[in-house]
Amino acid sequence: MLQLLSSPENTANTHAAGTELEAALDALTRAVKLDASHAESHALLGTLYGMKISDNWLRAAWLGPRVEREFNLALAGGAKNPRVQYC
């Protein structure tokens, strides 16, 4: 997904990156349902929600609180985990 997003912009790359973003969101949503205390999954989920916002202020208003909630859950469960702190 990140490689597609950093490739020259075209419709195929944008569509493929969006498809991969949704697949990653689905996978991490399932992961936190299976183990709500897994801090890294919450951190990655918050990061993906942030990426989904992009430059759209309406998405920021809708997804911003989700980003904050996921990051807070990540820090609550793994404040000393460097991968959690990196996100």
Protein backbone atom coordinates (compact mmCIF):
# COMPACT_ATOMS: atom_id res chain seq x y z
CA MET A 1 0.00 0.00 0.00
CA LEU A 2 2.75 2.46 0.90
CA GLN A 3 4.64 1.69 -2.29
CA LEU A 4 1.51 2.28 -4.34
CA LEU A 5 0.90 5.57 -2.55
CA SER A 6 4.45 6.73 -3.26
CA SER A 7 4.37 5.62 -6.92
CA PRO A 8 3.51 8.07 -9.67
CA GLU A 9 -0.14 8.94 -9.26
CA ASN A 10 -2.52 7.26 -11.64
CA THR A 11 -5.98 5.74 -11.34
CA ALA A 12 -4.74 2.15 -11.07
CA ASN A 13 -2.29 2.95 -8.25
CA THR A 14 -4.84 5.03 -6.36
CA HIS A 15 -7.48 2.33 -6.63
CA ALA A 16 -5.07 -0.45 -5.64
CA ALA A 17 -3.79 1.52 -2.65
CA GLY A 18 -7.37 2.18 -1.51
CA THR A 19 -8.19 -1.51 -1.81
CA GLU A 20 -5.14 -2.46 0.25
CA LEU A 21 -5.93 0.20 2.86
CA GLU A 22 -9.43 -1.20 3.32
CA ALA A 23 -8.07 -4.76 3.58
CA ALA A 24 -5.57 -3.65 6.23
CA LEU A 25 -8.31 -1.83 8.17
CA ASP A 26 -10.48 -4.95 8.09
CA ALA A 27 -7.61 -7.17 9.27
CA LEU A 28 -6.65 -4.88 12.14
CA THR A 29 -10.28 -4.39 13.18
CA ARG A 30 -10.57 -8.18 13.45
CA ALA A 31 -7.27 -8.31 15.34
CA VAL A 32 -8.45 -5.89 18.04
CA LYS A 33 -11.75 -7.77 18.32
CA LEU A 34 -9.77 -10.96 18.97
CA ASP A 35 -7.39 -9.31 21.44
CA ALA A 36 -8.47 -5.87 22.64
CA SER A 37 -5.26 -5.47 24.63
CA HIS A 38 -2.89 -5.80 21.65
CA ALA A 39 -1.34 -2.35 21.64
CA GLU A 40 0.44 -2.64 18.29
CA SER A 41 -2.81 -3.45 16.49
CA HIS A 42 -4.44 -0.36 17.99
CA ALA A 43 -1.45 1.78 16.98
CA LEU A 44 -1.52 0.51 13.41
CA LEU A 45 -5.28 0.91 13.20
CA GLY A 46 -4.97 4.53 14.32
CA THR A 47 -2.24 5.11 11.74
CA LEU A 48 -4.40 3.68 8.95
CA TYR A 49 -7.36 5.82 9.98
CA GLY A 50 -5.02 8.80 9.82
CA MET A 51 -3.89 7.80 6.34
CA LYS A 52 -7.51 7.45 5.28
CA ILE A 53 -8.15 11.05 6.33
CA SER A 54 -5.61 12.30 3.78
CA ASP A 55 -6.40 15.96 3.04
CA ASN A 56 -10.15 15.72 3.52
CA TRP A 57 -11.50 17.81 6.40
CA LEU A 58 -14.81 15.91 6.46
CA ARG A 59 -12.98 12.63 6.95
CA ALA A 60 -10.84 14.33 9.59
CA ALA A 61 -13.95 15.33 11.52
CA TRP A 62 -15.32 11.77 11.27
CA LEU A 63 -12.13 9.72 11.68
CA GLY A 64 -10.09 12.05 13.90
CA PRO A 65 -11.74 10.85 17.12
CA ARG A 66 -11.12 7.23 16.02
CA VAL A 67 -7.45 8.00 15.48
CA GLU A 68 -7.19 9.51 18.94
CA ARG A 69 -9.09 6.61 20.56
CA GLU A 70 -6.88 3.99 18.91
CA PHE A 71 -3.69 5.81 19.86
CA ASN A 72 -4.88 6.19 23.46
CA LEU A 73 -5.69 2.47 23.62
CA ALA A 74 -2.30 1.67 22.13
CA LEU A 75 -0.46 3.81 24.67
CA ALA A 76 -2.52 2.43 27.53
CA GLY A 77 -1.53 -1.11 26.61
CA GLY A 78 2.00 -0.59 25.40
CA ALA A 79 3.47 2.75 26.46
CA LYS A 80 6.97 1.26 26.62
CA ASN A 81 6.67 -0.56 23.29
CA PRO A 82 8.80 1.33 20.74
CA ARG A 83 6.54 0.26 17.86
CA VAL A 84 3.55 1.77 19.66
CA GLN A 85 5.44 4.98 20.41
CA TYR A 86 6.58 5.24 16.78
CA CYS A 87 3.00 5.43 15.49
